[in-house]
Amino acid sequence: MSQITIKLAPSELMGEFYSRKLPIDLIALRNIMLYKDVGAFEVDAVGEAAAEEVFDLTNNPSRQFERDLLYGRGRSVSVGDMIAVDDSLFLCAPTGWINLHYC
């Protein structure tokens, strides 16, 4: 069981994540104070698997009932957003996750 917090990137950064002018992790870390904590709950998975579980929860239409219970109607996790899993921080990349603990 892991405690997670969803940290959404501010909308003004979203274009930077897709332009690829700078590495996505550098953009996120430079702007970490602008991120907004929008959801906190527990999931059964740990580490990166927990981040992936939260991504699926917020993006999978077949899990809408569960999403409403745990997260409400907040926006889906997308590229540039972060998931705090216990003491680790995972950045949603175009493919997969970047563990910011190791950056």
PDB file of N, CA and C in Angstrom:
ATOM      1  N   MET A   1       0.845  -1.176   0.000  1.00  0.00           N
ATOM      2  CA  MET A   1       0.000   0.000   0.000  1.00  0.00           C
ATOM      3  C   MET A   1       0.892   1.242   0.000  1.00  0.00           C
ATOM      4  N   SER A   2       0.564   2.185  -0.868  1.00  0.00           N
ATOM      5  CA  SER A   2       1.347   3.415  -0.976  1.00  0.00           C
ATOM      6  C   SER A   2       0.444   4.628  -0.863  1.00  0.00           C
ATOM      7  N   GLN A   3       0.945   5.659  -0.200  1.00  0.00           N
ATOM      8  CA  GLN A   3       0.270   6.957  -0.156  1.00  0.00           C
ATOM      9  C   GLN A   3       0.707   7.733  -1.390  1.00  0.00           C
ATOM     10  N   ILE A   4      -0.241   8.212  -2.165  1.00  0.00           N
ATOM     11  CA  ILE A   4       0.118   8.967  -3.362  1.00  0.00           C
ATOM     12  C   ILE A   4      -0.497  10.364  -3.287  1.00  0.00           C
ATOM     13  N   THR A   5       0.150  11.273  -4.003  1.00  0.00           N
ATOM     14  CA  THR A   5      -0.380  12.619  -4.208  1.00  0.00           C
ATOM     15  C   THR A   5      -0.214  12.951  -5.677  1.00  0.00           C
ATOM     16  N   ILE A   6      -1.290  13.380  -6.314  1.00  0.00           N
ATOM     17  CA  ILE A   6      -1.239  13.816  -7.706  1.00  0.00           C
ATOM     18  C   ILE A   6      -0.834  15.279  -7.717  1.00  0.00           C
ATOM     19  N   LYS A   7       0.182  15.599  -8.509  1.00  0.00           N
ATOM     20  CA  LYS A   7       0.681  16.969  -8.638  1.00  0.00           C
ATOM     21  C   LYS A   7       0.565  17.360 -10.113  1.00  0.00           C
ATOM     22  N   LEU A   8      -0.393  18.234 -10.413  1.00  0.00           N
ATOM     23  CA  LEU A   8      -0.623  18.628 -11.796  1.00  0.00           C
ATOM     24  C   LEU A   8       0.229  19.831 -12.185  1.00  0.00           C
ATOM     25  N   ALA A   9       0.771  19.741 -13.389  1.00  0.00           N
ATOM     26  CA  ALA A   9       1.568  20.842 -13.937  1.00  0.00           C
ATOM     27  C   ALA A   9       0.643  21.995 -14.306  1.00  0.00           C
ATOM     28  N   PRO A  10       1.128  23.219 -14.185  1.00  0.00           N
ATOM     29  CA  PRO A  10       0.310  24.363 -14.607  1.00  0.00           C
ATOM     30  C   PRO A  10       0.131  24.349 -16.126  1.00  0.00           C
ATOM     31  N   SER A  11      -1.012  24.791 -16.581  1.00  0.00           N
ATOM     32  CA  SER A  11      -1.325  24.741 -18.015  1.00  0.00           C
ATOM     33  C   SER A  11      -0.301  25.483 -18.868  1.00  0.00           C
ATOM     34  N   GLU A  12       0.295  26.534 -18.335  1.00  0.00           N
ATOM     35  CA  GLU A  12       1.266  27.297 -19.137  1.00  0.00           C
ATOM     36  C   GLU A  12       2.545  26.515 -19.437  1.00  0.00           C
ATOM     37  N   LEU A  13       2.781  25.419 -18.749  1.00  0.00           N
ATOM     38  CA  LEU A  13       3.964  24.595 -19.020  1.00  0.00           C
ATOM     39  C   LEU A  13       3.706  23.481 -20.025  1.00  0.00           C
ATOM     40  N   MET A  14       2.460  23.166 -20.295  1.00  0.00           N
ATOM     41  CA  MET A  14       2.149  21.992 -21.103  1.00  0.00           C
ATOM     42  C   MET A  14       2.809  22.038 -22.483  1.00  0.00           C
ATOM     43  N   GLY A  15       2.838  23.178 -23.128  1.00  0.00           N
ATOM     44  CA  GLY A  15       3.473  23.294 -24.437  1.00  0.00           C
ATOM     45  C   GLY A  15       4.961  22.992 -24.385  1.00  0.00           C
ATOM     46  N   GLU A  16       5.615  23.386 -23.297  1.00  0.00           N
ATOM     47  CA  GLU A  16       7.049  23.131 -23.154  1.00  0.00           C
ATOM     48  C   GLU A  16       7.358  21.639 -23.070  1.00  0.00           C
ATOM     49  N   PHE A  17       6.459  20.872 -22.476  1.00  0.00           N
ATOM     50  CA  PHE A  17       6.692  19.435 -22.346  1.00  0.00           C
ATOM     51  C   PHE A  17       6.691  18.742 -23.705  1.00  0.00           C
ATOM     52  N   TYR A  18       5.946  19.300 -24.652  1.00  0.00           N
ATOM     53  CA  TYR A  18       5.851  18.677 -25.970  1.00  0.00           C
ATOM     54  C   TYR A  18       6.818  19.281 -26.982  1.00  0.00           C
ATOM     55  N   SER A  19       7.342  20.475 -26.724  1.00  0.00           N
ATOM     56  CA  SER A  19       8.240  21.130 -27.685  1.00  0.00           C
ATOM     57  C   SER A  19       9.626  20.501 -27.711  1.00  0.00           C
ATOM     58  N   ARG A  20      10.022  19.899 -26.607  1.00  0.00           N
ATOM     59  CA  ARG A  20      11.309  19.211 -26.475  1.00  0.00           C
ATOM     60  C   ARG A  20      12.515  20.144 -26.610  1.00  0.00           C
ATOM     61  N   LYS A  21      12.353  21.417 -26.291  1.00  0.00           N
ATOM     62  CA  LYS A  21      13.495  22.335 -26.310  1.00  0.00           C
ATOM     63  C   LYS A  21      14.438  22.045 -25.152  1.00  0.00           C
ATOM     64  N   LEU A  22      13.867  21.587 -24.025  1.00  0.00           N
ATOM     65  CA  LEU A  22      14.642  21.188 -22.844  1.00  0.00           C
ATOM     66  C   LEU A  22      14.158  19.812 -22.415  1.00  0.00           C
ATOM     67  N   PRO A  23      14.992  19.052 -21.724  1.00  0.00           N
ATOM     68  CA  PRO A  23      14.525  17.764 -21.195  1.00  0.00           C
ATOM     69  C   PRO A  23      13.333  17.965 -20.258  1.00  0.00           C
ATOM     70  N   ILE A  24      12.378  17.077 -20.349  1.00  0.00           N
ATOM     71  CA  ILE A  24      11.140  17.191 -19.581  1.00  0.00           C
ATOM     72  C   ILE A  24      11.403  17.262 -18.082  1.00  0.00           C
ATOM     73  N   ASP A  25      12.382  16.506 -17.584  1.00  0.00           N
ATOM     74  CA  ASP A  25      12.652  16.524 -16.147  1.00  0.00           C
ATOM     75  C   ASP A  25      13.229  17.872 -15.717  1.00  0.00           C
ATOM     76  N   LEU A  26      14.019  18.516 -16.561  1.00  0.00           N
ATOM     77  CA  LEU A  26      14.566  19.829 -16.241  1.00  0.00           C
ATOM     78  C   LEU A  26      13.457  20.878 -16.174  1.00  0.00           C
ATOM     79  N   ILE A  27      12.526  20.827 -17.126  1.00  0.00           N
ATOM     80  CA  ILE A  27      11.394  21.758 -17.113  1.00  0.00           C
ATOM     81  C   ILE A  27      10.596  21.592 -15.825  1.00  0.00           C
ATOM     82  N   ALA A  28      10.303  20.338 -15.469  1.00  0.00           N
ATOM     83  CA  ALA A  28       9.495  20.066 -14.273  1.00  0.00           C
ATOM     84  C   ALA A  28      10.203  20.541 -13.013  1.00  0.00           C
ATOM     85  N   LEU A  29      11.467  20.203 -12.879  1.00  0.00           N
ATOM     86  CA  LEU A  29      12.199  20.571 -11.658  1.00  0.00           C
ATOM     87  C   LEU A  29      12.372  22.078 -11.527  1.00  0.00           C
ATOM     88  N   ARG A  30      12.557  22.773 -12.643  1.00  0.00           N
ATOM     89  CA  ARG A  30      12.679  24.237 -12.605  1.00  0.00           C
ATOM     90  C   ARG A  30      11.387  24.912 -12.159  1.00  0.00           C
ATOM     91  N   ASN A  31      10.268  24.234 -12.381  1.00  0.00           N
ATOM     92  CA  ASN A  31       8.954  24.833 -12.127  1.00  0.00           C
ATOM     93  C   ASN A  31       8.162  24.104 -11.050  1.00  0.00           C
ATOM     94  N   ILE A  32       8.822  23.318 -10.243  1.00  0.00           N
ATOM     95  CA  ILE A  32       8.130  22.452  -9.283  1.00  0.00           C
ATOM     96  C   ILE A  32       7.235  23.233  -8.308  1.00  0.00           C
ATOM     97  N   MET A  33       7.585  24.455  -8.008  1.00  0.00           N
ATOM     98  CA  MET A  33       6.773  25.250  -7.081  1.00  0.00           C
ATOM     99  C   MET A  33       5.422  25.664  -7.684  1.00  0.00           C
ATOM    100  N   LEU A  34       5.284  25.556  -8.999  1.00  0.00           N
ATOM    101  CA  LEU A  34       4.033  25.928  -9.668  1.00  0.00           C
ATOM    102  C   LEU A  34       3.027  24.776  -9.722  1.00  0.00           C
ATOM    103  N   TYR A  35       3.481  23.571  -9.399  1.00  0.00           N
ATOM    104  CA  TYR A  35       2.605  22.400  -9.444  1.00  0.00           C
ATOM    105  C   TYR A  35       1.552  22.486  -8.348  1.00  0.00           C
ATOM    106  N   LYS A  36       0.371  21.927  -8.641  1.00  0.00           N
ATOM    107  CA  LYS A  36      -0.740  21.981  -7.695  1.00  0.00           C
ATOM    108  C   LYS A  36      -1.084  20.568  -7.231  1.00  0.00           C
ATOM    109  N   ASP A  37      -1.074  20.354  -5.923  1.00  0.00           N
ATOM    110  CA  ASP A  37      -1.503  19.083  -5.353  1.00  0.00           C
ATOM    111  C   ASP A  37      -3.026  19.012  -5.449  1.00  0.00           C
ATOM    112  N   VAL A  38      -3.534  17.993  -6.147  1.00  0.00           N
ATOM    113  CA  VAL A  38      -4.974  17.931  -6.383  1.00  0.00           C
ATOM    114  C   VAL A  38      -5.647  16.664  -5.868  1.00  0.00           C
ATOM    115  N   GLY A  39      -4.902  15.687  -5.469  1.00  0.00           N
ATOM    116  CA  GLY A  39      -5.518  14.462  -4.983  1.00  0.00           C
ATOM    117  C   GLY A  39      -4.549  13.677  -4.144  1.00  0.00           C
ATOM    118  N   ALA A  40      -5.029  13.130  -3.056  1.00  0.00           N
ATOM    119  CA  ALA A  40      -4.204  12.290  -2.184  1.00  0.00           C
ATOM    120  C   ALA A  40      -5.051  11.115  -1.714  1.00  0.00           C
ATOM    121  N   PHE A  41      -4.537   9.922  -1.915  1.00  0.00           N
ATOM    122  CA  PHE A  41      -5.225   8.706  -1.497  1.00  0.00           C
ATOM    123  C   PHE A  41      -4.225   7.566  -1.512  1.00  0.00           C
ATOM    124  N   GLU A  42      -4.665   6.372  -1.188  1.00  0.00           N
ATOM    125  CA  GLU A  42      -3.788   5.205  -1.164  1.00  0.00           C
ATOM    126  C   GLU A  42      -4.125   4.258  -2.300  1.00  0.00           C
ATOM    127  N   VAL A  43      -3.093   3.580  -2.802  1.00  0.00           N
ATOM    128  CA  VAL A  43      -3.265   2.523  -3.793  1.00  0.00           C
ATOM    129  C   VAL A  43      -2.489   1.301  -3.318  1.00  0.00           C
ATOM    130  N   ASP A  44      -2.859   0.139  -3.840  1.00  0.00           N
ATOM    131  CA  ASP A  44      -2.216  -1.103  -3.422  1.00  0.00           C
ATOM    132  C   ASP A  44      -0.816  -1.284  -3.993  1.00  0.00           C
ATOM    133  N   ALA A  45      -0.502  -0.656  -5.110  1.00  0.00           N
ATOM    134  CA  ALA A  45       0.795  -0.816  -5.761  1.00  0.00           C
ATOM    135  C   ALA A  45       1.866   0.015  -5.054  1.00  0.00           C
ATOM    136  N   VAL A  46       3.134  -0.225  -5.414  1.00  0.00           N
ATOM    137  CA  VAL A  46       4.264   0.530  -4.866  1.00  0.00           C
ATOM    138  C   VAL A  46       5.130   1.065  -6.000  1.00  0.00           C
ATOM    139  N   GLY A  47       5.911   2.108  -5.696  1.00  0.00           N
ATOM    140  CA  GLY A  47       6.876   2.659  -6.650  1.00  0.00           C
ATOM    141  C   GLY A  47       6.244   3.090  -7.962  1.00  0.00           C
ATOM    142  N   GLU A  48       6.952   2.827  -9.050  1.00  0.00           N
ATOM    143  CA  GLU A  48       6.487   3.219 -10.381  1.00  0.00           C
ATOM    144  C   GLU A  48       5.148   2.566 -10.726  1.00  0.00           C
ATOM    145  N   ALA A  49       4.930   1.357 -10.232  1.00  0.00           N
ATOM    146  CA  ALA A  49       3.650   0.676 -10.475  1.00  0.00           C
ATOM    147  C   ALA A  49       2.494   1.464  -9.863  1.00  0.00           C
ATOM    148  N   ALA A  50       2.713   2.132  -8.754  1.00  0.00           N
ATOM    149  CA  ALA A  50       1.681   2.969  -8.138  1.00  0.00           C
ATOM    150  C   ALA A  50       1.395   4.180  -9.012  1.00  0.00           C
ATOM    151  N   ALA A  51       2.432   4.795  -9.574  1.00  0.00           N
ATOM    152  CA  ALA A  51       2.240   5.924 -10.487  1.00  0.00           C
ATOM    153  C   ALA A  51       1.443   5.472 -11.711  1.00  0.00           C
ATOM    154  N   GLU A  52       1.773   4.312 -12.230  1.00  0.00           N
ATOM    155  CA  GLU A  52       1.052   3.769 -13.386  1.00  0.00           C
ATOM    156  C   GLU A  52      -0.401   3.476 -13.040  1.00  0.00           C
ATOM    157  N   GLU A  53      -0.649   2.988 -11.842  1.00  0.00           N
ATOM    158  CA  GLU A  53      -2.014   2.727 -11.371  1.00  0.00           C
ATOM    159  C   GLU A  53      -2.824   4.028 -11.341  1.00  0.00           C
ATOM    160  N   VAL A  54      -2.219   5.116 -10.868  1.00  0.00           N
ATOM    161  CA  VAL A  54      -2.912   6.402 -10.812  1.00  0.00           C
ATOM    162  C   VAL A  54      -3.163   6.926 -12.222  1.00  0.00           C
ATOM    163  N   PHE A  55      -2.194   6.764 -13.116  1.00  0.00           N
ATOM    164  CA  PHE A  55      -2.391   7.171 -14.514  1.00  0.00           C
ATOM    165  C   PHE A  55      -3.597   6.445 -15.098  1.00  0.00           C
ATOM    166  N   ASP A  56      -3.653   5.129 -14.903  1.00  0.00           N
ATOM    167  CA  ASP A  56      -4.765   4.342 -15.429  1.00  0.00           C
ATOM    168  C   ASP A  56      -6.093   4.770 -14.793  1.00  0.00           C
ATOM    169  N   LEU A  57      -6.081   4.995 -13.506  1.00  0.00           N
ATOM    170  CA  LEU A  57      -7.291   5.419 -12.802  1.00  0.00           C
ATOM    171  C   LEU A  57      -7.853   6.706 -13.389  1.00  0.00           C
ATOM    172  N   THR A  58      -6.985   7.653 -13.720  1.00  0.00           N
ATOM    173  CA  THR A  58      -7.456   8.955 -14.204  1.00  0.00           C
ATOM    174  C   THR A  58      -7.702   8.992 -15.705  1.00  0.00           C
ATOM    175  N   ASN A  59      -7.257   7.978 -16.443  1.00  0.00           N
ATOM    176  CA  ASN A  59      -7.393   7.979 -17.898  1.00  0.00           C
ATOM    177  C   ASN A  59      -8.296   6.883 -18.457  1.00  0.00           C
ATOM    178  N   ASN A  60      -8.640   5.897 -17.672  1.00  0.00           N
ATOM    179  CA  ASN A  60      -9.399   4.742 -18.152  1.00  0.00           C
ATOM    180  C   ASN A  60     -10.893   4.970 -17.907  1.00  0.00           C
ATOM    181  N   PRO A  61     -11.673   5.152 -18.971  1.00  0.00           N
ATOM    182  CA  PRO A  61     -13.107   5.428 -18.794  1.00  0.00           C
ATOM    183  C   PRO A  61     -13.864   4.321 -18.050  1.00  0.00           C
ATOM    184  N   SER A  62     -13.386   3.102 -18.133  1.00  0.00           N
ATOM    185  CA  SER A  62     -14.094   2.013 -17.457  1.00  0.00           C
ATOM    186  C   SER A  62     -13.923   2.062 -15.935  1.00  0.00           C
ATOM    187  N   ARG A  63     -13.054   2.950 -15.437  1.00  0.00           N
ATOM    188  CA  ARG A  63     -12.822   3.080 -13.994  1.00  0.00           C
ATOM    189  C   ARG A  63     -13.424   4.369 -13.425  1.00  0.00           C
ATOM    190  N   GLN A  64     -14.382   4.949 -14.144  1.00  0.00           N
ATOM    191  CA  GLN A  64     -14.936   6.242 -13.747  1.00  0.00           C
ATOM    192  C   GLN A  64     -15.533   6.225 -12.343  1.00  0.00           C
ATOM    193  N   PHE A  65     -16.251   5.169 -11.985  1.00  0.00           N
ATOM    194  CA  PHE A  65     -16.858   5.109 -10.651  1.00  0.00           C
ATOM    195  C   PHE A  65     -15.777   5.139  -9.570  1.00  0.00           C
ATOM    196  N   GLU A  66     -14.742   4.318  -9.740  1.00  0.00           N
ATOM    197  CA  GLU A  66     -13.638   4.280  -8.774  1.00  0.00           C
ATOM    198  C   GLU A  66     -12.906   5.619  -8.737  1.00  0.00           C
ATOM    199  N   ARG A  67     -12.710   6.219  -9.910  1.00  0.00           N
ATOM    200  CA  ARG A  67     -12.054   7.524  -9.996  1.00  0.00           C
ATOM    201  C   ARG A  67     -12.835   8.573  -9.209  1.00  0.00           C
ATOM    202  N   ASP A  68     -14.149   8.589  -9.385  1.00  0.00           N
ATOM    203  CA  ASP A  68     -14.980   9.555  -8.668  1.00  0.00           C
ATOM    204  C   ASP A  68     -14.834   9.394  -7.154  1.00  0.00           C
ATOM    205  N   LEU A  69     -14.752   8.162  -6.684  1.00  0.00           N
ATOM    206  CA  LEU A  69     -14.611   7.909  -5.248  1.00  0.00           C
ATOM    207  C   LEU A  69     -13.269   8.382  -4.703  1.00  0.00           C
ATOM    208  N   LEU A  70     -12.200   8.113  -5.448  1.00  0.00           N
ATOM    209  CA  LEU A  70     -10.850   8.414  -4.954  1.00  0.00           C
ATOM    210  C   LEU A  70     -10.357   9.814  -5.314  1.00  0.00           C
ATOM    211  N   TYR A  71     -10.715  10.296  -6.494  1.00  0.00           N
ATOM    212  CA  TYR A  71     -10.100  11.500  -7.046  1.00  0.00           C
ATOM    213  C   TYR A  71     -11.096  12.578  -7.441  1.00  0.00           C
ATOM    214  N   GLY A  72     -12.330  12.218  -7.622  1.00  0.00           N
ATOM    215  CA  GLY A  72     -13.312  13.192  -8.069  1.00  0.00           C
ATOM    216  C   GLY A  72     -13.258  13.382  -9.579  1.00  0.00           C
ATOM    217  N   ARG A  73     -13.581  14.559 -10.013  1.00  0.00           N
ATOM    218  CA  ARG A  73     -13.662  14.862 -11.452  1.00  0.00           C
ATOM    219  C   ARG A  73     -12.475  15.687 -11.944  1.00  0.00           C
ATOM    220  N   GLY A  74     -11.342  15.610 -11.247  1.00  0.00           N
ATOM    221  CA  GLY A  74     -10.152  16.336 -11.683  1.00  0.00           C
ATOM    222  C   GLY A  74      -9.669  15.853 -13.039  1.00  0.00           C
ATOM    223  N   ARG A  75      -8.812  16.625 -13.668  1.00  0.00           N
ATOM    224  CA  ARG A  75      -8.334  16.241 -15.001  1.00  0.00           C
ATOM    225  C   ARG A  75      -7.428  15.022 -14.914  1.00  0.00           C
ATOM    226  N   SER A  76      -7.318  14.342 -16.030  1.00  0.00           N
ATOM    227  CA  SER A  76      -6.486  13.150 -16.120  1.00  0.00           C
ATOM    228  C   SER A  76      -5.014  13.496 -15.977  1.00  0.00           C
ATOM    229  N   VAL A  77      -4.243  12.563 -15.457  1.00  0.00           N
ATOM    230  CA  VAL A  77      -2.789  12.719 -15.395  1.00  0.00           C
ATOM    231  C   VAL A  77      -2.253  12.642 -16.817  1.00  0.00           C
ATOM    232  N   SER A  78      -1.331  13.542 -17.144  1.00  0.00           N
ATOM    233  CA  SER A  78      -0.790  13.640 -18.496  1.00  0.00           C
ATOM    234  C   SER A  78       0.713  13.919 -18.434  1.00  0.00           C
ATOM    235  N   VAL A  79       1.323  13.977 -19.593  1.00  0.00           N
ATOM    236  CA  VAL A  79       2.752  14.278 -19.688  1.00  0.00           C
ATOM    237  C   VAL A  79       3.055  15.572 -18.943  1.00  0.00           C
ATOM    238  N   GLY A  80       4.080  15.520 -18.098  1.00  0.00           N
ATOM    239  CA  GLY A  80       4.497  16.685 -17.326  1.00  0.00           C
ATOM    240  C   GLY A  80       3.954  16.708 -15.917  1.00  0.00           C
ATOM    241  N   ASP A  81       2.915  15.933 -15.647  1.00  0.00           N
ATOM    242  CA  ASP A  81       2.377  15.857 -14.289  1.00  0.00           C
ATOM    243  C   ASP A  81       3.250  14.933 -13.442  1.00  0.00           C
ATOM    244  N   MET A  82       3.112  15.042 -12.130  1.00  0.00           N
ATOM    245  CA  MET A  82       3.908  14.226 -11.212  1.00  0.00           C
ATOM    246  C   MET A  82       2.997  13.451 -10.272  1.00  0.00           C
ATOM    247  N   ILE A  83       3.494  12.300  -9.873  1.00  0.00           N
ATOM    248  CA  ILE A  83       2.828  11.490  -8.867  1.00  0.00           C
ATOM    249  C   ILE A  83       3.840  11.251  -7.750  1.00  0.00           C
ATOM    250  N   ALA A  84       3.518  11.733  -6.558  1.00  0.00           N
ATOM    251  CA  ALA A  84       4.344  11.432  -5.385  1.00  0.00           C
ATOM    252  C   ALA A  84       3.854  10.096  -4.831  1.00  0.00           C
ATOM    253  N   VAL A  85       4.780   9.160  -4.715  1.00  0.00           N
ATOM    254  CA  VAL A  85       4.471   7.833  -4.176  1.00  0.00           C
ATOM    255  C   VAL A  85       5.336   7.659  -2.941  1.00  0.00           C
ATOM    256  N   ASP A  86       4.704   7.741  -1.773  1.00  0.00           N
ATOM    257  CA  ASP A  86       5.432   7.714  -0.507  1.00  0.00           C
ATOM    258  C   ASP A  86       6.534   8.773  -0.561  1.00  0.00           C
ATOM    259  N   ASP A  87       7.801   8.390  -0.551  1.00  0.00           N
ATOM    260  CA  ASP A  87       8.907   9.358  -0.563  1.00  0.00           C
ATOM    261  C   ASP A  87       9.537   9.548  -1.933  1.00  0.00           C
ATOM    262  N   SER A  88       8.942   8.980  -2.972  1.00  0.00           N
ATOM    263  CA  SER A  88       9.473   9.103  -4.332  1.00  0.00           C
ATOM    264  C   SER A  88       8.582  10.013  -5.159  1.00  0.00           C
ATOM    265  N   LEU A  89       9.165  10.589  -6.214  1.00  0.00           N
ATOM    266  CA  LEU A  89       8.424  11.487  -7.095  1.00  0.00           C
ATOM    267  C   LEU A  89       8.633  11.026  -8.529  1.00  0.00           C
ATOM    268  N   PHE A  90       7.519  10.724  -9.210  1.00  0.00           N
ATOM    269  CA  PHE A  90       7.572  10.230 -10.580  1.00  0.00           C
ATOM    270  C   PHE A  90       6.952  11.251 -11.521  1.00  0.00           C
ATOM    271  N   LEU A  91       7.675  11.560 -12.593  1.00  0.00           N
ATOM    272  CA  LEU A  91       7.235  12.503 -13.611  1.00  0.00           C
ATOM    273  C   LEU A  91       6.695  11.716 -14.797  1.00  0.00           C
ATOM    274  N   CYS A  92       5.491  12.047 -15.229  1.00  0.00           N
ATOM    275  CA  CYS A  92       4.893  11.388 -16.387  1.00  0.00           C
ATOM    276  C   CYS A  92       5.591  11.892 -17.646  1.00  0.00           C
ATOM    277  N   ALA A  93       6.246  10.982 -18.350  1.00  0.00           N
ATOM    278  CA  ALA A  93       6.987  11.298 -19.574  1.00  0.00           C
ATOM    279  C   ALA A  93       6.144  10.885 -20.787  1.00  0.00           C
ATOM    280  N   PRO A  94       6.560  11.280 -22.002  1.00  0.00           N
ATOM    281  CA  PRO A  94       5.801  10.853 -23.190  1.00  0.00           C
ATOM    282  C   PRO A  94       5.640   9.331 -23.275  1.00  0.00           C
ATOM    283  N   THR A  95       6.622   8.616 -22.790  1.00  0.00           N
ATOM    284  CA  THR A  95       6.493   7.162 -22.657  1.00  0.00           C
ATOM    285  C   THR A  95       7.086   6.774 -21.314  1.00  0.00           C
ATOM    286  N   GLY A  96       6.251   6.324 -20.416  1.00  0.00           N
ATOM    287  CA  GLY A  96       6.717   5.854 -19.114  1.00  0.00           C
ATOM    288  C   GLY A  96       6.879   6.969 -18.096  1.00  0.00           C
ATOM    289  N   TRP A  97       7.757   6.698 -17.113  1.00  0.00           N
ATOM    290  CA  TRP A  97       7.936   7.572 -15.956  1.00  0.00           C
ATOM    291  C   TRP A  97       9.413   7.876 -15.751  1.00  0.00           C
ATOM    292  N   ILE A  98       9.692   9.064 -15.231  1.00  0.00           N
ATOM    293  CA  ILE A  98      11.038   9.442 -14.816  1.00  0.00           C
ATOM    294  C   ILE A  98      11.008   9.562 -13.293  1.00  0.00           C
ATOM    295  N   ASN A  99      11.862   8.795 -12.623  1.00  0.00           N
ATOM    296  CA  ASN A  99      11.944   8.873 -11.177  1.00  0.00           C
ATOM    297  C   ASN A  99      12.835  10.067 -10.845  1.00  0.00           C
ATOM    298  N   LEU A 100      12.236  11.129 -10.346  1.00  0.00           N
ATOM    299  CA  LEU A 100      12.980  12.369 -10.088  1.00  0.00           C
ATOM    300  C   LEU A 100      13.904  12.242  -8.887  1.00  0.00           C
ATOM    301  N   HIS A 101      13.751  11.214  -8.100  1.00  0.00           N
ATOM    302  CA  HIS A 101      14.659  10.964  -6.988  1.00  0.00           C
ATOM    303  C   HIS A 101      16.087  10.760  -7.483  1.00  0.00           C
ATOM    304  N   TYR A 102      16.232  10.248  -8.699  1.00  0.00           N
ATOM    305  CA  TYR A 102      17.555   9.929  -9.238  1.00  0.00           C
ATOM    306  C   TYR A 102      18.101  11.019 -10.167  1.00  0.00           C
ATOM    307  N   CYS A 103      17.355  12.102 -10.352  1.00  0.00           N
ATOM    308  CA  CYS A 103      17.826  13.181 -11.243  1.00  0.00           C
ATOM    309  C   CYS A 103      18.810  14.099 -10.534  1.00  0.00           C
TER     310      CYS A 103
END
